[in-house]
């Protein structure tokens, strides 16, 4: 364990590394920095920061806050390094969240922040790839136990913003369908239904562009929800939940 002086030194070193990364075009991170042998000097700055953040919780919090703050400004979006450093930053916060789940709020802020970024000077395909990575980051947060919170924010985003085009909505829903398997908790069920009922989501996935594998997974879940609403799974639902499920089934053509 570190004493107060040692911990202060580690936090200062983390701050120095964050500042160094800001001036780089990109950097390398590793999910398990402890596996790499050799002196710390042999590690690049990104790997050094990973090692510190994984080992020391206060450093991890600082790194997550730094990533949140640096990525939310317009200056960052229009910087020359944006296309190359963005994937590195998202990989960094993913590693930090993996080892320190209490950084989930900052991790979500980073993920949702990238979804709001727009820069007409960057190729559409490049911006799409960056936003796809941010969606994968949010899906990772979902599978680590934060699905209701992430889906709630995604639903709000789809209702109040045009930051996501239909292809990105399909990308997120397809990814969600790959990791979501019944039976579901009620908090997840409610948040999942709310997402699917947003007009932007419904319009995006009720098209021929939605791949067949995802359609089959969605149909399987809708059948599960229909059975659940019918009381055939031994679970008692309140009338509000039954109405919510039935409204979704009607929207997707699964009404009684």
C-alpha atoms as a PDB file:
ATOM      1  CA  UNK A   1       0.000   0.000   0.000  1.00  0.00           C
ATOM      2  CA  UNK A   2       1.105   3.563  -0.660  1.00  0.00           C
ATOM      3  CA  UNK A   3       1.267   6.219   1.989  1.00  0.00           C
ATOM      4  CA  UNK A   4      -0.121   9.685   1.353  1.00  0.00           C
ATOM      5  CA  UNK A   5       3.117  10.911  -0.183  1.00  0.00           C
ATOM      6  CA  UNK A   6       3.385   7.869  -2.460  1.00  0.00           C
ATOM      7  CA  UNK A   7      -0.221   8.159  -3.608  1.00  0.00           C
ATOM      8  CA  UNK A   8       0.227  11.856  -4.307  1.00  0.00           C
ATOM      9  CA  UNK A   9       3.237  10.986  -6.425  1.00  0.00           C
ATOM     10  CA  UNK A  10       1.239   8.430  -8.396  1.00  0.00           C
ATOM     11  CA  UNK A  11      -1.603  10.887  -9.001  1.00  0.00           C
ATOM     12  CA  UNK A  12       0.899  13.495 -10.169  1.00  0.00           C
ATOM     13  CA  UNK A  13       2.447  10.951 -12.510  1.00  0.00           C
ATOM     14  CA  UNK A  14      -0.994  10.090 -13.874  1.00  0.00           C
ATOM     15  CA  UNK A  15      -1.667  13.778 -14.506  1.00  0.00           C
ATOM     16  CA  UNK A  16       1.661  14.122 -16.306  1.00  0.00           C
ATOM     17  CA  UNK A  17       0.870  11.151 -18.534  1.00  0.00           C
ATOM     18  CA  UNK A  18      -2.616  12.477 -19.351  1.00  0.00           C
ATOM     19  CA  UNK A  19      -1.072  15.772 -20.382  1.00  0.00           C
ATOM     20  CA  UNK A  20       1.456  13.917 -22.516  1.00  0.00           C
ATOM     21  CA  UNK A  21      -1.280  11.921 -24.243  1.00  0.00           C
ATOM     22  CA  UNK A  22      -3.127  15.122 -25.133  1.00  0.00           C
ATOM     23  CA  UNK A  23      -0.222  16.086 -27.384  1.00  0.00           C
ATOM     24  CA  UNK A  24      -0.024  12.728 -29.150  1.00  0.00           C
ATOM     25  CA  UNK A  25      -1.699  11.680 -32.390  1.00  0.00           C
ATOM     26  CA  UNK A  26      -2.612   8.289 -30.929  1.00  0.00           C
ATOM     27  CA  UNK A  27      -1.428   5.920 -28.224  1.00  0.00           C
ATOM     28  CA  UNK A  28      -1.484   2.227 -27.325  1.00  0.00           C
ATOM     29  CA  UNK A  29      -3.356   0.772 -24.358  1.00  0.00           C
ATOM     30  CA  UNK A  30      -3.433  -2.743 -22.964  1.00  0.00           C
ATOM     31  CA  UNK A  31      -6.166  -4.511 -21.035  1.00  0.00           C
ATOM     32  CA  UNK A  32      -3.663  -6.156 -18.705  1.00  0.00           C
ATOM     33  CA  UNK A  33      -0.567  -3.964 -18.414  1.00  0.00           C
ATOM     34  CA  UNK A  34       0.843  -6.214 -15.683  1.00  0.00           C
ATOM     35  CA  UNK A  35       1.406  -9.001 -18.213  1.00  0.00           C
ATOM     36  CA  UNK A  36       4.008  -7.013 -20.084  1.00  0.00           C
ATOM     37  CA  UNK A  37       7.461  -7.675 -18.702  1.00  0.00           C
ATOM     38  CA  UNK A  38      10.287  -5.181 -18.452  1.00  0.00           C
ATOM     39  CA  UNK A  39      10.903  -1.812 -16.823  1.00  0.00           C
ATOM     40  CA  UNK A  40       8.280   0.908 -16.825  1.00  0.00           C
ATOM     41  CA  UNK A  41      10.486   2.934 -19.124  1.00  0.00           C
ATOM     42  CA  UNK A  42       9.923   0.288 -21.829  1.00  0.00           C
ATOM     43  CA  UNK A  43       6.182   1.002 -21.827  1.00  0.00           C
ATOM     44  CA  UNK A  44       4.722   3.737 -23.989  1.00  0.00           C
ATOM     45  CA  UNK A  45       2.801   6.555 -22.228  1.00  0.00           C
ATOM     46  CA  UNK A  46      -0.585   4.936 -22.851  1.00  0.00           C
ATOM     47  CA  UNK A  47       0.546   1.650 -21.343  1.00  0.00           C
ATOM     48  CA  UNK A  48       2.138   3.444 -18.403  1.00  0.00           C
ATOM     49  CA  UNK A  49      -1.120   5.252 -17.704  1.00  0.00           C
ATOM     50  CA  UNK A  50      -3.059   1.987 -17.988  1.00  0.00           C
ATOM     51  CA  UNK A  51      -0.751   0.356 -15.469  1.00  0.00           C
ATOM     52  CA  UNK A  52      -1.182   3.208 -12.989  1.00  0.00           C
ATOM     53  CA  UNK A  53      -4.958   3.390 -13.452  1.00  0.00           C
ATOM     54  CA  UNK A  54      -5.428  -0.356 -13.064  1.00  0.00           C
ATOM     55  CA  UNK A  55      -3.341  -0.462  -9.888  1.00  0.00           C
ATOM     56  CA  UNK A  56      -4.534   2.715  -8.168  1.00  0.00           C
ATOM     57  CA  UNK A  57      -8.244   3.567  -7.937  1.00  0.00           C
ATOM     58  CA  UNK A  58      -7.699   7.332  -7.410  1.00  0.00           C
ATOM     59  CA  UNK A  59      -5.643   7.439 -10.608  1.00  0.00           C
ATOM     60  CA  UNK A  60      -8.374   5.559 -12.492  1.00  0.00           C
ATOM     61  CA  UNK A  61     -10.933   8.137 -11.391  1.00  0.00           C
ATOM     62  CA  UNK A  62      -8.674  10.922 -12.562  1.00  0.00           C
ATOM     63  CA  UNK A  63      -8.127   9.255 -15.926  1.00  0.00           C
ATOM     64  CA  UNK A  64     -11.873   8.771 -16.440  1.00  0.00           C
ATOM     65  CA  UNK A  65     -12.562  12.404 -15.553  1.00  0.00           C
ATOM     66  CA  UNK A  66      -9.781  13.571 -17.871  1.00  0.00           C
ATOM     67  CA  UNK A  67     -11.207  11.529 -20.762  1.00  0.00           C
ATOM     68  CA  UNK A  68     -14.687  12.922 -20.136  1.00  0.00           C
ATOM     69  CA  UNK A  69     -13.518  16.519 -20.045  1.00  0.00           C
ATOM     70  CA  UNK A  70     -11.138  16.415 -23.002  1.00  0.00           C
ATOM     71  CA  UNK A  71     -13.658  14.774 -25.345  1.00  0.00           C
ATOM     72  CA  UNK A  72     -16.651  17.008 -24.705  1.00  0.00           C
ATOM     73  CA  UNK A  73     -15.383  20.245 -26.189  1.00  0.00           C
ATOM     74  CA  UNK A  74     -15.714  21.486 -29.735  1.00  0.00           C
ATOM     75  CA  UNK A  75     -11.984  22.161 -29.855  1.00  0.00           C
ATOM     76  CA  UNK A  76     -11.308  18.426 -29.502  1.00  0.00           C
ATOM     77  CA  UNK A  77     -13.759  17.443 -32.245  1.00  0.00           C
ATOM     78  CA  UNK A  78     -12.079  19.788 -34.717  1.00  0.00           C
ATOM     79  CA  UNK A  79      -8.504  18.978 -33.741  1.00  0.00           C
ATOM     80  CA  UNK A  80      -6.169  17.411 -36.293  1.00  0.00           C
ATOM     81  CA  UNK A  81      -5.644  14.344 -34.075  1.00  0.00           C
ATOM     82  CA  UNK A  82      -9.359  13.656 -33.519  1.00  0.00           C
ATOM     83  CA  UNK A  83      -9.696  10.762 -36.026  1.00  0.00           C
ATOM     84  CA  UNK A  84      -6.697   8.881 -34.609  1.00  0.00           C
ATOM     85  CA  UNK A  85      -6.708   9.675 -30.902  1.00  0.00           C
ATOM     86  CA  UNK A  86     -10.435   9.089 -30.366  1.00  0.00           C
ATOM     87  CA  UNK A  87     -10.200   5.269 -30.618  1.00  0.00           C
ATOM     88  CA  UNK A  88      -7.279   5.335 -28.179  1.00  0.00           C
ATOM     89  CA  UNK A  89      -9.204   7.360 -25.605  1.00  0.00           C
ATOM     90  CA  UNK A  90     -12.227   5.071 -25.786  1.00  0.00           C
ATOM     91  CA  UNK A  91     -10.001   2.012 -25.422  1.00  0.00           C
ATOM     92  CA  UNK A  92      -8.392   3.623 -22.376  1.00  0.00           C
ATOM     93  CA  UNK A  93     -11.669   4.316 -20.574  1.00  0.00           C
ATOM     94  CA  UNK A  94     -12.850   0.798 -21.401  1.00  0.00           C
ATOM     95  CA  UNK A  95      -9.812  -0.672 -19.658  1.00  0.00           C
ATOM     96  CA  UNK A  96     -10.269   1.642 -16.687  1.00  0.00           C
ATOM     97  CA  UNK A  97     -13.954   0.732 -16.366  1.00  0.00           C
ATOM     98  CA  UNK A  98     -13.136  -2.975 -16.658  1.00  0.00           C
ATOM     99  CA  UNK A  99     -10.960  -2.789 -13.549  1.00  0.00           C
ATOM    100  CA  UNK A 100     -12.829  -0.021 -11.694  1.00  0.00           C
ATOM    101  CA  UNK A 101     -16.615  -0.185 -12.272  1.00  0.00           C
ATOM    102  CA  UNK A 102     -17.180   2.949 -10.176  1.00  0.00           C
ATOM    103  CA  UNK A 103     -15.969   4.955 -13.201  1.00  0.00           C
ATOM    104  CA  UNK A 104     -19.139   3.945 -15.087  1.00  0.00           C
ATOM    105  CA  UNK A 105     -20.645   7.455 -15.096  1.00  0.00           C
ATOM    106  CA  UNK A 106     -17.574   9.001 -16.689  1.00  0.00           C
ATOM    107  CA  UNK A 107     -17.330   6.062 -19.111  1.00  0.00           C
ATOM    108  CA  UNK A 108     -20.927   6.614 -20.201  1.00  0.00           C
ATOM    109  CA  UNK A 109     -20.301  10.339 -20.592  1.00  0.00           C
ATOM    110  CA  UNK A 110     -17.402   9.579 -22.919  1.00  0.00           C
ATOM    111  CA  UNK A 111     -19.451   7.104 -24.949  1.00  0.00           C
ATOM    112  CA  UNK A 112     -22.485   9.339 -25.323  1.00  0.00           C
ATOM    113  CA  UNK A 113     -20.266  12.347 -25.913  1.00  0.00           C
ATOM    114  CA  UNK A 114     -18.760  10.781 -29.018  1.00  0.00           C
ATOM    115  CA  UNK A 115     -22.240  10.078 -30.374  1.00  0.00           C
ATOM    116  CA  UNK A 116     -22.908  13.822 -30.372  1.00  0.00           C
ATOM    117  CA  UNK A 117     -19.727  14.718 -32.233  1.00  0.00           C
ATOM    118  CA  UNK A 118     -19.940  16.031 -35.760  1.00  0.00           C
ATOM    119  CA  UNK A 119     -17.224  17.368 -38.037  1.00  0.00           C
ATOM    120  CA  UNK A 120     -18.000  17.862 -41.712  1.00  0.00           C
ATOM    121  CA  UNK A 121     -14.286  18.008 -42.513  1.00  0.00           C
ATOM    122  CA  UNK A 122     -13.796  14.374 -41.478  1.00  0.00           C
ATOM    123  CA  UNK A 123     -14.839  11.601 -43.853  1.00  0.00           C
ATOM    124  CA  UNK A 124     -18.297  10.183 -43.125  1.00  0.00           C
ATOM    125  CA  UNK A 125     -16.903   6.639 -42.881  1.00  0.00           C
ATOM    126  CA  UNK A 126     -14.310   7.736 -40.323  1.00  0.00           C
ATOM    127  CA  UNK A 127     -16.916   9.458 -38.159  1.00  0.00           C
ATOM    128  CA  UNK A 128     -19.132   6.386 -38.454  1.00  0.00           C
ATOM    129  CA  UNK A 129     -16.333   4.086 -37.293  1.00  0.00           C
ATOM    130  CA  UNK A 130     -15.663   6.328 -34.291  1.00  0.00           C
ATOM    131  CA  UNK A 131     -19.341   6.354 -33.339  1.00  0.00           C
ATOM    132  CA  UNK A 132     -19.550   2.583 -33.784  1.00  0.00           C
ATOM    133  CA  UNK A 133     -16.700   2.210 -31.308  1.00  0.00           C
ATOM    134  CA  UNK A 134     -18.523   4.474 -28.862  1.00  0.00           C
ATOM    135  CA  UNK A 135     -21.604   2.268 -29.229  1.00  0.00           C
ATOM    136  CA  UNK A 136     -19.484  -0.808 -28.511  1.00  0.00           C
ATOM    137  CA  UNK A 137     -18.180   0.948 -25.413  1.00  0.00           C
ATOM    138  CA  UNK A 138     -21.747   1.556 -24.242  1.00  0.00           C
ATOM    139  CA  UNK A 139     -22.693  -2.062 -24.960  1.00  0.00           C
ATOM    140  CA  UNK A 140     -19.716  -3.130 -22.857  1.00  0.00           C
ATOM    141  CA  UNK A 141     -21.056  -1.007 -20.017  1.00  0.00           C
ATOM    142  CA  UNK A 142     -24.440  -2.700 -20.510  1.00  0.00           C
ATOM    143  CA  UNK A 143     -23.073  -6.218 -20.119  1.00  0.00           C
ATOM    144  CA  UNK A 144     -21.250  -5.144 -16.966  1.00  0.00           C
ATOM    145  CA  UNK A 145     -24.586  -4.536 -15.226  1.00  0.00           C
ATOM    146  CA  UNK A 146     -25.531  -1.006 -16.275  1.00  0.00           C
ATOM    147  CA  UNK A 147     -27.998  -1.781 -19.070  1.00  0.00           C
ATOM    148  CA  UNK A 148     -31.053   0.080 -17.677  1.00  0.00           C
ATOM    149  CA  UNK A 149     -29.055   3.279 -17.202  1.00  0.00           C
ATOM    150  CA  UNK A 150     -27.444   3.096 -20.648  1.00  0.00           C
ATOM    151  CA  UNK A 151     -30.701   2.231 -22.414  1.00  0.00           C
ATOM    152  CA  UNK A 152     -32.486   5.030 -20.583  1.00  0.00           C
ATOM    153  CA  UNK A 153     -29.974   7.573 -21.837  1.00  0.00           C
ATOM    154  CA  UNK A 154     -30.015   6.097 -25.327  1.00  0.00           C
ATOM    155  CA  UNK A 155     -33.804   6.358 -25.419  1.00  0.00           C
ATOM    156  CA  UNK A 156     -33.593  10.001 -24.382  1.00  0.00           C
ATOM    157  CA  UNK A 157     -30.994  10.640 -27.076  1.00  0.00           C
ATOM    158  CA  UNK A 158     -33.130   9.053 -29.790  1.00  0.00           C
ATOM    159  CA  UNK A 159     -36.152  11.072 -28.722  1.00  0.00           C
ATOM    160  CA  UNK A 160     -34.487  14.455 -28.522  1.00  0.00           C
ATOM    161  CA  UNK A 161     -31.652  14.383 -31.021  1.00  0.00           C
ATOM    162  CA  UNK A 162     -30.701  13.455 -34.551  1.00  0.00           C
ATOM    163  CA  UNK A 163     -27.100  12.620 -33.618  1.00  0.00           C
ATOM    164  CA  UNK A 164     -27.552   9.021 -34.748  1.00  0.00           C
ATOM    165  CA  UNK A 165     -28.523   8.024 -38.243  1.00  0.00           C
ATOM    166  CA  UNK A 166     -30.521   4.867 -38.872  1.00  0.00           C
ATOM    167  CA  UNK A 167     -27.488   2.705 -39.600  1.00  0.00           C
ATOM    168  CA  UNK A 168     -25.988   3.476 -36.185  1.00  0.00           C
ATOM    169  CA  UNK A 169     -29.293   2.759 -34.456  1.00  0.00           C
ATOM    170  CA  UNK A 170     -29.378  -0.632 -36.170  1.00  0.00           C
ATOM    171  CA  UNK A 171     -25.751  -1.210 -35.177  1.00  0.00           C
ATOM    172  CA  UNK A 172     -26.535  -0.587 -31.517  1.00  0.00           C
ATOM    173  CA  UNK A 173     -29.740  -2.639 -31.453  1.00  0.00           C
ATOM    174  CA  UNK A 174     -28.048  -5.539 -33.264  1.00  0.00           C
ATOM    175  CA  UNK A 175     -25.250  -5.502 -30.704  1.00  0.00           C
ATOM    176  CA  UNK A 176     -27.746  -5.371 -27.869  1.00  0.00           C
ATOM    177  CA  UNK A 177     -29.686  -8.316 -29.276  1.00  0.00           C
ATOM    178  CA  UNK A 178     -26.473 -10.355 -29.404  1.00  0.00           C
ATOM    179  CA  UNK A 179     -25.862  -9.988 -25.669  1.00  0.00           C
ATOM    180  CA  UNK A 180     -29.420  -9.854 -24.301  1.00  0.00           C
ATOM    181  CA  UNK A 181     -30.977 -13.242 -23.573  1.00  0.00           C
ATOM    182  CA  UNK A 182     -34.251 -13.878 -21.672  1.00  0.00           C
ATOM    183  CA  UNK A 183     -35.317 -14.059 -18.957  1.00  0.00           C
ATOM    184  CA  UNK A 184     -34.970 -10.339 -18.296  1.00  0.00           C
ATOM    185  CA  UNK A 185     -35.250  -8.325 -15.123  1.00  0.00           C
ATOM    186  CA  UNK A 186     -38.145  -5.878 -15.015  1.00  0.00           C
ATOM    187  CA  UNK A 187     -35.865  -2.801 -15.033  1.00  0.00           C
ATOM    188  CA  UNK A 188     -34.161  -4.106 -18.177  1.00  0.00           C
ATOM    189  CA  UNK A 189     -37.470  -5.047 -19.789  1.00  0.00           C
ATOM    190  CA  UNK A 190     -38.925  -1.576 -19.254  1.00  0.00           C
ATOM    191  CA  UNK A 191     -35.840   0.237 -20.537  1.00  0.00           C
ATOM    192  CA  UNK A 192     -35.499  -2.117 -23.514  1.00  0.00           C
ATOM    193  CA  UNK A 193     -39.126  -1.640 -24.527  1.00  0.00           C
ATOM    194  CA  UNK A 194     -38.847   2.137 -24.175  1.00  0.00           C
ATOM    195  CA  UNK A 195     -35.874   2.086 -26.543  1.00  0.00           C
ATOM    196  CA  UNK A 196     -37.615  -0.079 -29.146  1.00  0.00           C
ATOM    197  CA  UNK A 197     -40.694   2.146 -29.061  1.00  0.00           C
ATOM    198  CA  UNK A 198     -38.899   5.351 -30.009  1.00  0.00           C
ATOM    199  CA  UNK A 199     -39.925   6.322 -33.555  1.00  0.00           C
ATOM    200  CA  UNK A 200     -36.308   6.587 -34.717  1.00  0.00           C
ATOM    201  CA  UNK A 201     -35.514   3.093 -33.462  1.00  0.00           C
ATOM    202  CA  UNK A 202     -38.702   1.530 -34.809  1.00  0.00           C
ATOM    203  CA  UNK A 203     -38.213   3.103 -38.236  1.00  0.00           C
ATOM    204  CA  UNK A 204     -34.573   2.029 -38.347  1.00  0.00           C
ATOM    205  CA  UNK A 205     -35.095  -1.652 -37.597  1.00  0.00           C
ATOM    206  CA  UNK A 206     -38.385  -2.241 -39.409  1.00  0.00           C
ATOM    207  CA  UNK A 207     -36.585  -2.105 -42.749  1.00  0.00           C
ATOM    208  CA  UNK A 208     -34.865  -4.514 -45.077  1.00  0.00           C
ATOM    209  CA  UNK A 209     -31.512  -3.089 -43.933  1.00  0.00           C
ATOM    210  CA  UNK A 210     -31.881  -4.801 -40.551  1.00  0.00           C
ATOM    211  CA  UNK A 211     -29.953  -8.064 -40.938  1.00  0.00           C
ATOM    212  CA  UNK A 212     -31.767 -11.393 -40.769  1.00  0.00           C
ATOM    213  CA  UNK A 213     -29.878 -12.714 -37.737  1.00  0.00           C
ATOM    214  CA  UNK A 214     -30.891  -9.648 -35.717  1.00  0.00           C
ATOM    215  CA  UNK A 215     -34.478  -9.945 -36.920  1.00  0.00           C
ATOM    216  CA  UNK A 216     -34.614 -13.522 -35.658  1.00  0.00           C
ATOM    217  CA  UNK A 217     -33.204 -12.511 -32.279  1.00  0.00           C
ATOM    218  CA  UNK A 218     -35.723  -9.674 -32.015  1.00  0.00           C
ATOM    219  CA  UNK A 219     -38.613 -11.946 -32.945  1.00  0.00           C
ATOM    220  CA  UNK A 220     -37.503 -14.432 -30.295  1.00  0.00           C
ATOM    221  CA  UNK A 221     -37.504 -11.717 -27.649  1.00  0.00           C
ATOM    222  CA  UNK A 222     -40.884 -10.400 -28.768  1.00  0.00           C
ATOM    223  CA  UNK A 223     -42.314 -13.913 -28.463  1.00  0.00           C
ATOM    224  CA  UNK A 224     -40.856 -14.141 -24.954  1.00  0.00           C
ATOM    225  CA  UNK A 225     -42.442 -10.807 -24.014  1.00  0.00           C
ATOM    226  CA  UNK A 226     -45.793 -11.912 -25.436  1.00  0.00           C
ATOM    227  CA  UNK A 227     -45.661 -15.051 -23.306  1.00  0.00           C
ATOM    228  CA  UNK A 228     -44.615 -12.994 -20.294  1.00  0.00           C
ATOM    229  CA  UNK A 229     -47.507 -10.567 -20.726  1.00  0.00           C
ATOM    230  CA  UNK A 230     -49.892 -13.498 -21.028  1.00  0.00           C
ATOM    231  CA  UNK A 231     -48.901 -14.726 -17.577  1.00  0.00           C
ATOM    232  CA  UNK A 232     -47.632 -18.045 -18.891  1.00  0.00           C
ATOM    233  CA  UNK A 233     -44.198 -17.795 -17.267  1.00  0.00           C
ATOM    234  CA  UNK A 234     -45.436 -17.736 -13.692  1.00  0.00           C
ATOM    235  CA  UNK A 235     -44.583 -14.062 -13.167  1.00  0.00           C
ATOM    236  CA  UNK A 236     -47.183 -11.573 -12.032  1.00  0.00           C
ATOM    237  CA  UNK A 237     -46.970  -8.283 -13.907  1.00  0.00           C
ATOM    238  CA  UNK A 238     -48.601  -5.026 -12.923  1.00  0.00           C
ATOM    239  CA  UNK A 239     -51.120  -3.684 -15.423  1.00  0.00           C
ATOM    240  CA  UNK A 240     -48.734  -0.912 -16.528  1.00  0.00           C
ATOM    241  CA  UNK A 241     -46.097  -3.461 -17.556  1.00  0.00           C
ATOM    242  CA  UNK A 242     -48.653  -5.568 -19.416  1.00  0.00           C
ATOM    243  CA  UNK A 243     -49.850  -2.493 -21.301  1.00  0.00           C
ATOM    244  CA  UNK A 244     -46.267  -1.506 -22.104  1.00  0.00           C
ATOM    245  CA  UNK A 245     -45.477  -4.925 -23.545  1.00  0.00           C
ATOM    246  CA  UNK A 246     -48.701  -5.057 -25.547  1.00  0.00           C
ATOM    247  CA  UNK A 247     -48.042  -1.642 -27.052  1.00  0.00           C
ATOM    248  CA  UNK A 248     -44.618  -2.851 -28.202  1.00  0.00           C
ATOM    249  CA  UNK A 249     -46.088  -6.057 -29.646  1.00  0.00           C
ATOM    250  CA  UNK A 250     -48.645  -4.051 -31.577  1.00  0.00           C
ATOM    251  CA  UNK A 251     -45.939  -1.745 -32.919  1.00  0.00           C
ATOM    252  CA  UNK A 252     -43.956  -4.716 -34.243  1.00  0.00           C
ATOM    253  CA  UNK A 253     -46.887  -6.798 -35.427  1.00  0.00           C
ATOM    254  CA  UNK A 254     -47.086  -9.248 -32.546  1.00  0.00           C
ATOM    255  CA  UNK A 255     -50.442  -8.209 -31.145  1.00  0.00           C
ATOM    256  CA  UNK A 256     -52.993 -10.835 -30.144  1.00  0.00           C
END
